[in-house]
């Protein structure tokens, strides 16, 4: 009996020893896991990842300086007036993540372009600082009010503050020059936010169905995107569709946006630049910008050619489009009323949405038609800046929002969301495997994400030979009004393009 007890005690002892060893191993393992996790969290220069997203091994991450507290400015409320586009709409919803982690509330107020510009300008003029965060249009705000914008280098170069992930070099170079600086690169006024660019939309189903018939009658392939698809042929195609395609399939061949609005400036400028024309020829006038241009570069022949072609385009387009802006034209296209339009790429998400569009799955995309020099596709991106009239705390809170809102992970949401599809201004996103796969799938007609079908066309548009950057000058508003008023008068009152060209040249020269 005693022997049994001794054996039993030995077994218990051995069991205890084994359990102790196991516990020691588990403790060591747990400590190793914790240490590994700690090491995984630590980044270069003793920085750790921010609390917003899981660690991304492909895209630059938001880094937190050692000792920095993301809730340092909790309770702060910021106002952000922004153009009503897909970037703003998606950001409004996703901003809850930022508020939960920082305690900073951001009132994002999307509105139409003209109202937004007026509100921003009035806030700067009054110096009230009502809108601490500013949607910085390079041609309406950055050019006129850069002295009212905070120099963001103060925050991006401060080792105690979070920085733009990937640095400014992760943004496309030309877009940074246009959206972030004015005159030189001494001060950083805005961080690139959106990249709206005009591309060509057309009814792929109509073009495929009637292709052979059109070629037999006209002797050329009408597929958009080719170098011989010119504005002149665009007019021929538009007229042919009007005369040969039943209204039940599509009512008009094309439409313009000739309203007394910024839209007619953009619409016409695409055509002018395609014929070799532009407004000024000063160095950097189309990138970093200049205070006051000295070289009026419009030559009457180029200007007259562009005006003549634009007048013809309006004449063959939907009659009501003489009073349309880009929103009206996009509405007509998605409702199946027109077969072709030049418009902002962000409309791709709407026209491919079967709940909103009658033409979903029937749309093709390309660069704009050619003039006698090139295809010119106007760029319309904007940045986010900080109002210099905001308080010190508001400025720092606004900087945290900018770091989050322009991070590649946040901007990628605007690309991947079903109602999104807008390409971020970041090289890292463009070079990511997911984006490259989508581009390849669209080219091979195997893409299943329809709101991204326009991406190859957009990236073709962004090539140096195809993209058109406007003149960025401090008094651009007055120049734009000269173009808007004269082009509008020409198409509305049937004026001679040569007379209008002379008038525009004289009025621009008087501004010097």
Protein backbone atom coordinates (compact mmCIF):
# COMPACT_ATOMS: atom_id res chain seq x y z
CA UNK A 1 0.00 0.00 0.00
CA UNK A 2 2.80 2.36 0.94
CA UNK A 3 4.52 1.51 -2.34
CA UNK A 4 1.39 2.47 -4.25
CA UNK A 5 1.23 5.81 -2.44
CA UNK A 6 4.89 6.52 -3.26
CA UNK A 7 4.33 5.72 -6.94
CA UNK A 8 1.21 7.88 -6.97
CA UNK A 9 3.15 10.79 -5.41
CA UNK A 10 5.90 10.39 -8.00
CA UNK A 11 3.31 10.55 -10.80
CA UNK A 12 1.79 13.67 -9.29
CA UNK A 13 5.26 15.19 -8.92
CA UNK A 14 6.13 14.38 -12.52
CA UNK A 15 2.79 15.80 -13.66
CA UNK A 16 3.44 19.02 -11.72
CA UNK A 17 6.93 19.31 -13.21
CA UNK A 18 5.56 18.75 -16.71
CA UNK A 19 2.82 21.35 -16.19
CA UNK A 20 5.38 23.81 -14.85
CA UNK A 21 7.54 23.29 -17.92
CA UNK A 22 4.50 23.74 -20.18
CA UNK A 23 3.48 26.93 -18.38
CA UNK A 24 7.02 28.25 -18.64
CA UNK A 25 7.05 27.51 -22.36
CA UNK A 26 3.67 29.17 -22.84
CA UNK A 27 4.81 32.20 -20.87
CA UNK A 28 7.98 32.45 -22.94
CA UNK A 29 5.97 31.99 -26.14
CA UNK A 30 3.49 34.67 -25.09
CA UNK A 31 6.33 37.04 -24.23
CA UNK A 32 7.88 36.36 -27.62
CA UNK A 33 4.55 37.05 -29.32
CA UNK A 34 4.18 40.29 -27.39
CA UNK A 35 7.76 41.27 -28.19
CA UNK A 36 7.24 40.39 -31.85
CA UNK A 37 4.03 42.41 -31.90
CA UNK A 38 5.83 45.29 -30.24
CA UNK A 39 8.62 45.11 -32.77
CA UNK A 40 6.07 44.87 -35.56
CA UNK A 41 4.44 48.06 -34.30
CA UNK A 42 7.69 49.94 -34.11
CA UNK A 43 8.72 51.77 -37.26
CA UNK A 44 11.67 53.81 -38.35
CA UNK A 45 12.70 56.58 -35.93
CA UNK A 46 10.70 55.04 -33.06
CA UNK A 47 7.35 55.69 -34.76
CA UNK A 48 4.38 53.37 -34.49
CA UNK A 49 1.42 52.86 -36.77
CA UNK A 50 -1.61 55.11 -36.42
CA UNK A 51 -4.90 53.69 -35.07
CA UNK A 52 -6.94 53.98 -38.28
CA UNK A 53 -6.02 50.99 -40.46
CA UNK A 54 -4.29 47.60 -40.22
CA UNK A 55 -0.66 47.65 -41.25
CA UNK A 56 -0.32 47.79 -45.05
CA UNK A 57 2.69 46.06 -46.57
CA UNK A 58 2.17 47.61 -50.01
CA UNK A 59 1.04 51.20 -49.45
CA UNK A 60 2.65 53.88 -47.24
CA UNK A 61 1.15 53.93 -43.74
CA UNK A 62 0.29 56.79 -41.39
CA UNK A 63 3.03 56.85 -38.75
CA UNK A 64 2.71 58.16 -35.21
CA UNK A 65 5.66 60.03 -33.68
CA UNK A 66 6.79 58.64 -30.33
CA UNK A 67 4.72 60.12 -27.54
CA UNK A 68 2.10 61.66 -29.84
CA UNK A 69 -1.53 61.35 -28.73
CA UNK A 70 -4.13 61.21 -31.49
CA UNK A 71 -6.80 62.44 -29.07
CA UNK A 72 -4.83 65.52 -28.05
CA UNK A 73 -7.32 67.79 -29.84
CA UNK A 74 -10.52 65.92 -28.99
CA UNK A 75 -13.57 68.13 -28.73
CA UNK A 76 -12.43 70.33 -31.62
CA UNK A 77 -14.96 70.87 -34.42
CA UNK A 78 -13.82 71.62 -37.96
CA UNK A 79 -15.84 72.80 -40.96
CA UNK A 80 -14.93 71.62 -44.44
CA UNK A 81 -16.79 72.99 -47.47
CA UNK A 82 -16.13 70.85 -50.53
CA UNK A 83 -17.42 70.30 -54.04
CA UNK A 84 -20.22 67.76 -54.21
CA UNK A 85 -18.37 64.86 -55.81
CA UNK A 86 -17.72 61.20 -55.04
CA UNK A 87 -14.64 62.02 -52.97
CA UNK A 88 -16.66 64.25 -50.65
CA UNK A 89 -19.58 61.84 -50.40
CA UNK A 90 -17.46 58.82 -49.48
CA UNK A 91 -15.27 60.86 -47.13
CA UNK A 92 -18.38 62.14 -45.32
CA UNK A 93 -19.35 58.58 -44.46
CA UNK A 94 -15.87 57.27 -43.63
CA UNK A 95 -15.03 60.30 -41.48
CA UNK A 96 -16.65 58.55 -38.51
CA UNK A 97 -13.51 56.42 -38.27
CA UNK A 98 -11.37 59.55 -37.94
CA UNK A 99 -13.69 61.06 -35.31
CA UNK A 100 -13.80 57.85 -33.24
CA UNK A 101 -10.00 57.69 -33.05
CA UNK A 102 -9.28 61.40 -32.54
CA UNK A 103 -12.36 62.94 -30.94
CA UNK A 104 -12.23 65.62 -33.66
CA UNK A 105 -15.56 66.28 -35.35
CA UNK A 106 -15.49 67.31 -39.01
CA UNK A 107 -18.56 68.86 -40.62
CA UNK A 108 -18.13 68.06 -44.31
CA UNK A 109 -20.46 70.21 -46.39
CA UNK A 110 -20.62 69.17 -50.05
CA UNK A 111 -22.17 71.71 -52.42
CA UNK A 112 -22.21 72.67 -56.09
CA UNK A 113 -19.02 74.11 -57.54
CA UNK A 114 -20.07 77.76 -57.88
CA UNK A 115 -21.62 77.97 -54.40
CA UNK A 116 -18.56 76.34 -52.86
CA UNK A 117 -16.14 78.78 -54.51
CA UNK A 118 -18.22 81.77 -53.39
CA UNK A 119 -18.37 80.55 -49.77
CA UNK A 120 -14.61 79.92 -49.63
CA UNK A 121 -13.77 83.26 -51.21
CA UNK A 122 -16.11 85.17 -48.89
CA UNK A 123 -14.61 83.44 -45.85
CA UNK A 124 -11.10 84.46 -46.89
CA UNK A 125 -12.13 88.03 -47.66
CA UNK A 126 -13.92 88.40 -44.30
CA UNK A 127 -11.04 86.66 -42.45
CA UNK A 128 -13.59 84.89 -40.22
CA UNK A 129 -11.97 81.48 -40.48
CA UNK A 130 -15.37 79.77 -40.54
CA UNK A 131 -14.05 76.99 -42.75
CA UNK A 132 -10.88 75.71 -41.12
CA UNK A 133 -10.42 73.08 -43.83
CA UNK A 134 -10.35 74.36 -47.39
CA UNK A 135 -11.05 72.60 -50.67
CA UNK A 136 -8.25 74.24 -52.65
CA UNK A 137 -9.12 74.60 -56.31
CA UNK A 138 -5.84 75.65 -57.95
CA UNK A 139 -7.57 77.99 -60.42
CA UNK A 140 -10.12 79.61 -58.10
CA UNK A 141 -8.60 79.50 -54.61
CA UNK A 142 -4.88 78.67 -54.61
CA UNK A 143 -4.14 81.28 -57.27
CA UNK A 144 -6.05 84.08 -55.53
CA UNK A 145 -5.84 83.27 -51.83
CA UNK A 146 -2.58 81.36 -51.28
CA UNK A 147 -1.56 84.01 -48.74
CA UNK A 148 -4.64 83.02 -46.70
CA UNK A 149 -3.58 79.37 -46.61
CA UNK A 150 -1.36 77.88 -43.93
CA UNK A 151 2.10 76.68 -44.96
CA UNK A 152 1.71 72.94 -44.40
CA UNK A 153 5.48 72.49 -44.20
CA UNK A 154 5.13 73.74 -40.62
CA UNK A 155 3.35 70.49 -39.76
CA UNK A 156 4.76 68.04 -42.27
CA UNK A 157 8.31 68.87 -41.19
CA UNK A 158 7.54 68.95 -37.45
CA UNK A 159 8.97 65.75 -35.87
CA UNK A 160 6.31 65.95 -33.14
CA UNK A 161 3.41 65.76 -35.64
CA UNK A 162 2.28 62.95 -37.97
CA UNK A 163 3.45 63.40 -41.55
CA UNK A 164 1.97 62.71 -44.97
CA UNK A 165 2.51 58.95 -45.46
CA UNK A 166 4.95 58.29 -48.25
CA UNK A 167 5.87 61.98 -48.42
CA UNK A 168 4.95 64.39 -51.19
CA UNK A 169 7.01 62.31 -53.60
CA UNK A 170 4.28 59.64 -53.54
CA UNK A 171 1.95 62.01 -55.42
CA UNK A 172 2.17 62.46 -59.19
CA UNK A 173 4.71 65.21 -59.84
CA UNK A 174 2.69 67.48 -62.14
CA UNK A 175 -0.37 67.21 -59.91
CA UNK A 176 1.68 68.25 -56.86
CA UNK A 177 3.03 71.30 -58.70
CA UNK A 178 -0.48 72.31 -59.71
CA UNK A 179 -2.38 71.54 -56.51
CA UNK A 180 0.15 72.20 -53.73
CA UNK A 181 2.27 75.20 -54.72
CA UNK A 182 1.96 78.64 -56.22
CA UNK A 183 4.79 80.51 -57.91
CA UNK A 184 7.53 78.40 -56.35
CA UNK A 185 7.95 75.54 -53.90
CA UNK A 186 8.80 77.62 -50.85
CA UNK A 187 5.43 77.01 -49.19
CA UNK A 188 3.23 73.92 -49.27
CA UNK A 189 -0.35 75.20 -49.48
CA UNK A 190 -2.39 72.04 -50.07
CA UNK A 191 -2.15 68.24 -50.20
CA UNK A 192 -3.54 66.58 -53.38
CA UNK A 193 -7.08 65.33 -52.74
CA UNK A 194 -8.98 64.51 -55.93
CA UNK A 195 -8.04 64.10 -59.58
CA UNK A 196 -11.12 64.79 -61.69
CA UNK A 197 -10.17 64.85 -65.36
CA UNK A 198 -12.24 65.04 -68.53
CA UNK A 199 -12.50 61.88 -70.59
CA UNK A 200 -14.74 60.77 -73.46
CA UNK A 201 -17.91 58.77 -72.79
CA UNK A 202 -19.75 57.04 -75.64
CA UNK A 203 -22.52 54.52 -76.11
CA UNK A 204 -20.56 51.38 -76.88
CA UNK A 205 -23.71 49.46 -77.80
CA UNK A 206 -24.69 52.03 -80.44
CA UNK A 207 -21.17 52.22 -81.87
CA UNK A 208 -20.92 48.43 -82.14
CA UNK A 209 -24.41 47.94 -83.59
CA UNK A 210 -24.09 50.54 -86.36
CA UNK A 211 -20.35 50.36 -87.00
CA UNK A 212 -20.50 48.55 -90.35
CA UNK A 213 -23.36 50.69 -91.65
CA UNK A 214 -21.56 53.90 -90.72
CA UNK A 215 -18.28 52.74 -92.29
CA UNK A 216 -20.04 51.76 -95.51
CA UNK A 217 -21.55 55.24 -95.81
CA UNK A 218 -18.64 57.36 -94.56
CA UNK A 219 -15.50 55.34 -95.22
CA UNK A 220 -13.85 55.50 -91.80
CA UNK A 221 -13.94 53.67 -88.48
CA UNK A 222 -15.82 55.76 -85.94
CA UNK A 223 -14.39 54.10 -82.83
CA UNK A 224 -13.34 56.85 -80.35
CA UNK A 225 -9.80 56.99 -78.99
CA UNK A 226 -8.01 56.65 -82.32
CA UNK A 227 -5.87 59.49 -83.65
CA UNK A 228 -8.10 59.88 -86.67
CA UNK A 229 -11.17 60.31 -84.46
CA UNK A 230 -11.04 64.11 -84.62
CA UNK A 231 -13.45 66.79 -83.48
CA UNK A 232 -14.44 67.20 -87.10
CA UNK A 233 -15.34 63.52 -87.33
CA UNK A 234 -17.04 63.76 -83.95
CA UNK A 235 -19.45 66.23 -85.55
CA UNK A 236 -19.98 63.90 -88.53
CA UNK A 237 -20.71 61.00 -86.19
CA UNK A 238 -23.08 63.07 -84.06
CA UNK A 239 -25.08 64.19 -87.07
CA UNK A 240 -25.20 60.64 -88.50
CA UNK A 241 -26.56 59.25 -85.22
CA UNK A 242 -29.24 61.95 -85.17
CA UNK A 243 -30.35 61.01 -88.66
CA UNK A 244 -29.99 57.21 -88.60
CA UNK A 245 -30.43 55.85 -85.07
CA UNK A 246 -34.03 55.69 -83.77
CA UNK A 247 -34.88 57.99 -80.87
CA UNK A 248 -35.92 54.94 -78.86
CA UNK A 249 -32.24 53.91 -78.79
CA UNK A 250 -30.71 57.35 -78.35
CA UNK A 251 -32.15 60.78 -79.00
CA UNK A 252 -29.07 62.84 -79.90
CA UNK A 253 -25.57 62.07 -81.10
CA UNK A 254 -23.82 64.45 -78.72
CA UNK A 255 -24.15 67.37 -76.32
CA UNK A 256 -21.93 70.16 -75.06
CA UNK A 257 -21.96 72.20 -71.85
CA UNK A 258 -22.24 75.75 -73.18
CA UNK A 259 -24.00 77.31 -70.19
CA UNK A 260 -22.73 80.64 -68.85
CA UNK A 261 -20.64 78.69 -66.35
CA UNK A 262 -17.13 77.35 -65.78
CA UNK A 263 -18.26 74.37 -67.85
CA UNK A 264 -18.14 76.25 -71.16
CA UNK A 265 -14.60 77.40 -70.38
CA UNK A 266 -13.49 73.79 -69.80
CA UNK A 267 -15.46 72.45 -72.77
CA UNK A 268 -14.01 75.00 -75.17
CA UNK A 269 -10.47 74.89 -73.77
CA UNK A 270 -10.23 71.17 -74.58
CA UNK A 271 -10.88 72.06 -78.21
CA UNK A 272 -8.64 75.14 -78.30
CA UNK A 273 -5.66 73.25 -76.88
CA UNK A 274 -6.21 70.37 -79.33
CA UNK A 275 -5.71 72.88 -82.14
CA UNK A 276 -2.45 74.13 -80.64
CA UNK A 277 -3.87 77.16 -78.87
CA UNK A 278 -3.52 78.29 -75.26
CA UNK A 279 -3.97 81.52 -73.37
CA UNK A 280 -0.48 82.34 -72.07
CA UNK A 281 3.06 81.18 -72.69
CA UNK A 282 4.91 82.22 -69.53
CA UNK A 283 7.25 79.61 -67.97
CA UNK A 284 5.43 77.50 -65.34
CA UNK A 285 2.09 79.21 -66.04
CA UNK A 286 0.41 75.80 -66.39
CA UNK A 287 2.10 74.14 -63.40
CA UNK A 288 3.48 76.18 -60.47
CA UNK A 289 1.64 79.25 -61.73
CA UNK A 290 2.51 82.95 -61.97
CA UNK A 291 1.10 86.07 -60.33
CA UNK A 292 0.64 87.98 -63.57
CA UNK A 293 1.37 86.55 -67.04
CA UNK A 294 3.28 88.64 -69.54
CA UNK A 295 3.02 86.53 -72.67
CA UNK A 296 -0.44 86.29 -74.28
CA UNK A 297 0.09 83.28 -76.50
CA UNK A 298 -3.29 83.03 -78.23
CA UNK A 299 -2.66 83.28 -81.92
CA UNK A 300 -5.69 84.32 -83.93
CA UNK A 301 -5.45 81.33 -86.27
CA UNK A 302 -5.40 78.78 -83.45
CA UNK A 303 -8.06 80.62 -81.50
CA UNK A 304 -10.24 81.04 -84.56
CA UNK A 305 -9.88 77.37 -85.47
CA UNK A 306 -10.88 76.34 -81.97
CA UNK A 307 -13.85 78.71 -81.90
CA UNK A 308 -15.07 77.58 -85.32
CA UNK A 309 -14.93 73.93 -84.32
CA UNK A 310 -16.63 74.53 -80.98
CA UNK A 311 -19.43 76.46 -82.66
CA UNK A 312 -19.95 73.55 -85.04
CA UNK A 313 -19.98 71.08 -82.12
CA UNK A 314 -22.73 73.04 -80.36
CA UNK A 315 -24.74 73.27 -83.58
CA UNK A 316 -24.81 69.48 -84.11
CA UNK A 317 -25.37 68.64 -80.43
CA UNK A 318 -28.58 68.39 -78.42
CA UNK A 319 -30.30 71.79 -78.84
CA UNK A 320 -30.81 72.29 -75.11
CA UNK A 321 -27.12 71.70 -74.35
CA UNK A 322 -26.41 75.32 -75.18
CA UNK A 323 -27.81 75.90 -71.68
CA UNK A 324 -26.29 72.84 -69.98
CA UNK A 325 -23.35 72.56 -67.62
CA UNK A 326 -21.44 69.33 -66.85
CA UNK A 327 -24.14 68.09 -64.47
CA UNK A 328 -26.90 68.49 -67.07
CA UNK A 329 -24.87 66.74 -69.75
CA UNK A 330 -24.07 63.83 -67.45
CA UNK A 331 -27.77 63.51 -66.57
CA UNK A 332 -28.72 63.36 -70.24
CA UNK A 333 -26.09 60.71 -70.93
CA UNK A 334 -27.08 58.41 -68.07
CA UNK A 335 -30.73 58.77 -69.09
CA UNK A 336 -29.87 57.45 -72.55
CA UNK A 337 -30.55 60.72 -74.38
CA UNK A 338 -27.11 61.30 -75.93
CA UNK A 339 -24.52 58.99 -77.46
CA UNK A 340 -21.31 60.97 -76.77
CA UNK A 341 -20.04 63.46 -74.23
CA UNK A 342 -16.84 64.90 -72.82
CA UNK A 343 -17.15 65.02 -69.04
CA UNK A 344 -15.36 64.42 -65.74
CA UNK A 345 -14.19 60.85 -65.19
CA UNK A 346 -15.98 60.63 -61.83
CA UNK A 347 -19.25 60.23 -63.76
CA UNK A 348 -18.17 56.68 -64.57
CA UNK A 349 -19.54 55.42 -61.26
CA UNK A 350 -22.98 56.88 -61.95
CA UNK A 351 -23.37 55.82 -65.57
CA UNK A 352 -22.38 52.25 -64.65
CA UNK A 353 -24.82 52.04 -61.73
CA UNK A 354 -27.96 50.18 -62.93
CA UNK A 355 -29.99 51.76 -60.12
CA UNK A 356 -29.21 55.25 -61.41
CA UNK A 357 -28.46 54.83 -65.09
CA UNK A 358 -30.29 53.50 -68.13
CA UNK A 359 -27.00 52.89 -69.94
CA UNK A 360 -25.13 50.82 -67.35
CA UNK A 361 -22.97 48.23 -69.10
CA UNK A 362 -23.34 50.00 -72.45
CA UNK A 363 -20.63 52.65 -72.10
CA UNK A 364 -17.19 52.94 -73.65
CA UNK A 365 -14.41 55.31 -72.57
CA UNK A 366 -11.47 56.95 -74.35
CA UNK A 367 -9.40 60.10 -74.55
CA UNK A 368 -11.11 63.10 -76.15
CA UNK A 369 -11.16 63.56 -79.94
CA UNK A 370 -8.15 65.11 -81.63
CA UNK A 371 -7.66 68.54 -83.13
CA UNK A 372 -5.00 69.10 -85.79
CA UNK A 373 -2.28 68.99 -83.08
CA UNK A 374 -3.32 66.54 -80.34
CA UNK A 375 -6.01 65.29 -77.97
CA UNK A 376 -6.26 67.70 -75.02
CA UNK A 377 -8.02 66.55 -71.84
CA UNK A 378 -8.47 69.16 -69.14
CA UNK A 379 -7.37 68.31 -65.60
CA UNK A 380 -9.55 69.47 -62.70
CA UNK A 381 -8.07 68.11 -59.48
CA UNK A 382 -7.97 69.95 -56.16
CA UNK A 383 -6.19 69.78 -52.80
CA UNK A 384 -6.99 70.22 -49.11
CA UNK A 385 -5.50 73.11 -47.19
CA UNK A 386 -5.85 74.90 -43.84
CA UNK A 387 -7.31 78.37 -43.41
CA UNK A 388 -4.64 80.60 -41.89
CA UNK A 389 -7.38 82.45 -39.97
CA UNK A 390 -8.18 79.32 -37.91
CA UNK A 391 -6.99 79.06 -34.30
CA UNK A 392 -3.74 77.30 -33.41
CA UNK A 393 -5.54 74.23 -32.05
CA UNK A 394 -7.90 74.12 -35.04
CA UNK A 395 -4.93 74.20 -37.41
CA UNK A 396 -3.29 71.22 -35.72
CA UNK A 397 -6.56 69.30 -35.63
CA UNK A 398 -7.07 70.14 -39.31
CA UNK A 399 -3.61 68.79 -40.09
CA UNK A 400 -4.48 65.44 -38.51
CA UNK A 401 -7.56 65.28 -40.72
CA UNK A 402 -5.52 66.06 -43.82
CA UNK A 403 -3.01 63.33 -42.96
CA UNK A 404 -5.87 60.85 -42.61
CA UNK A 405 -7.98 62.06 -45.56
CA UNK A 406 -5.07 62.01 -48.04
CA UNK A 407 -3.53 58.75 -46.80
CA UNK A 408 -3.42 56.09 -49.55
CA UNK A 409 -5.70 53.79 -47.53
CA UNK A 410 -8.36 56.51 -47.25
CA UNK A 411 -8.02 57.66 -50.83
CA UNK A 412 -8.22 54.07 -52.02
CA UNK A 413 -11.76 53.91 -50.61
CA UNK A 414 -12.78 56.48 -53.22
CA UNK A 415 -11.44 54.10 -55.85
CA UNK A 416 -12.87 50.81 -54.58
CA UNK A 417 -16.26 51.82 -53.18
CA UNK A 418 -19.18 50.84 -55.49
CA UNK A 419 -20.18 54.49 -55.85
CA UNK A 420 -16.53 55.50 -56.24
CA UNK A 421 -14.08 54.79 -59.02
CA UNK A 422 -12.01 57.97 -58.84
CA UNK A 423 -8.26 57.40 -59.19
CA UNK A 424 -6.26 58.78 -56.23
CA UNK A 425 -3.34 61.13 -56.97
CA UNK A 426 -0.81 58.66 -55.51
CA UNK A 427 1.82 56.67 -57.36
CA UNK A 428 1.72 53.91 -54.76
CA UNK A 429 -1.97 53.25 -55.38
CA UNK A 430 -1.49 53.31 -59.14
CA UNK A 431 1.43 50.86 -58.88
CA UNK A 432 -0.40 48.51 -56.51
CA UNK A 433 -1.12 45.01 -57.76
CA UNK A 434 -4.87 45.47 -57.34
CA UNK A 435 -5.00 48.52 -59.59
CA UNK A 436 -2.69 47.03 -62.20
CA UNK A 437 -4.84 43.88 -62.27
CA UNK A 438 -7.99 45.95 -62.80
CA UNK A 439 -6.39 47.87 -65.65
CA UNK A 440 -5.35 44.63 -67.31
CA UNK A 441 -8.79 43.10 -66.79
CA UNK A 442 -10.53 46.09 -68.38
CA UNK A 443 -8.23 45.90 -71.39
CA UNK A 444 -9.00 42.18 -71.70
CA UNK A 445 -12.76 42.69 -71.17
CA UNK A 446 -12.66 40.51 -68.05
CA UNK A 447 -13.24 43.21 -65.46
CA UNK A 448 -16.15 42.61 -63.08
CA UNK A 449 -16.02 45.98 -61.27
CA UNK A 450 -17.94 48.13 -63.75
CA UNK A 451 -17.36 51.50 -62.06
CA UNK A 452 -13.64 51.10 -62.83
CA UNK A 453 -14.04 50.47 -66.56
CA UNK A 454 -12.88 54.01 -67.32
CA UNK A 455 -9.48 53.66 -65.61
CA UNK A 456 -7.41 52.78 -68.72
CA UNK A 457 -8.87 55.81 -70.51
CA UNK A 458 -8.10 58.06 -67.55
CA UNK A 459 -4.50 56.87 -67.33
CA UNK A 460 -4.11 57.41 -71.08
CA UNK A 461 -5.43 60.93 -70.57
CA UNK A 462 -2.84 61.60 -67.85
CA UNK A 463 0.04 61.01 -70.25
CA UNK A 464 2.04 64.15 -70.96
CA UNK A 465 0.98 64.28 -74.61
CA UNK A 466 -2.72 64.13 -73.75
CA UNK A 467 -3.37 65.98 -70.48
CA UNK A 468 -4.15 69.69 -70.51
CA UNK A 469 -3.28 71.88 -67.52
CA UNK A 470 -4.92 75.29 -67.40
CA UNK A 471 -3.18 78.61 -66.86
CA UNK A 472 -2.75 79.12 -63.10
CA UNK A 473 -2.52 82.85 -62.48
CA UNK A 474 -3.73 85.14 -59.70
CA UNK A 475 -6.29 86.98 -61.86
CA UNK A 476 -7.55 83.84 -63.57
CA UNK A 477 -11.14 84.67 -62.63
CA UNK A 478 -11.16 87.67 -64.99
CA UNK A 479 -9.50 85.69 -67.77
CA UNK A 480 -12.01 82.88 -67.35
CA UNK A 481 -14.89 85.37 -67.52
CA UNK A 482 -13.56 86.77 -70.79
CA UNK A 483 -13.54 83.29 -72.32
CA UNK A 484 -16.90 82.27 -70.84
CA UNK A 485 -18.73 85.42 -71.94
CA UNK A 486 -17.31 85.53 -75.46
CA UNK A 487 -17.67 81.83 -76.26
CA UNK A 488 -21.18 81.83 -74.83
CA UNK A 489 -22.12 84.90 -76.91
CA UNK A 490 -20.72 83.26 -80.04
CA UNK A 491 -22.81 80.09 -79.79
CA UNK A 492 -25.93 81.85 -78.50
CA UNK A 493 -25.94 84.78 -80.95
CA UNK A 494 -24.34 83.04 -83.94
CA UNK A 495 -21.32 85.36 -84.03
CA UNK A 496 -18.42 85.10 -86.48
CA UNK A 497 -15.56 83.12 -84.85
CA UNK A 498 -12.97 85.49 -86.36
CA UNK A 499 -14.65 88.51 -84.78
CA UNK A 500 -14.89 86.70 -81.44
CA UNK A 501 -11.23 85.64 -81.66
CA UNK A 502 -10.10 89.24 -82.17
CA UNK A 503 -12.25 90.40 -79.26
CA UNK A 504 -10.87 87.74 -76.89
CA UNK A 505 -7.27 88.55 -77.86
CA UNK A 506 -7.78 92.27 -77.24
CA UNK A 507 -9.52 91.75 -73.89
CA UNK A 508 -6.82 89.38 -72.65
CA UNK A 509 -4.11 91.81 -73.75
CA UNK A 510 -5.74 94.61 -71.76
CA UNK A 511 -5.27 92.60 -68.56
CA UNK A 512 -1.47 92.78 -68.88
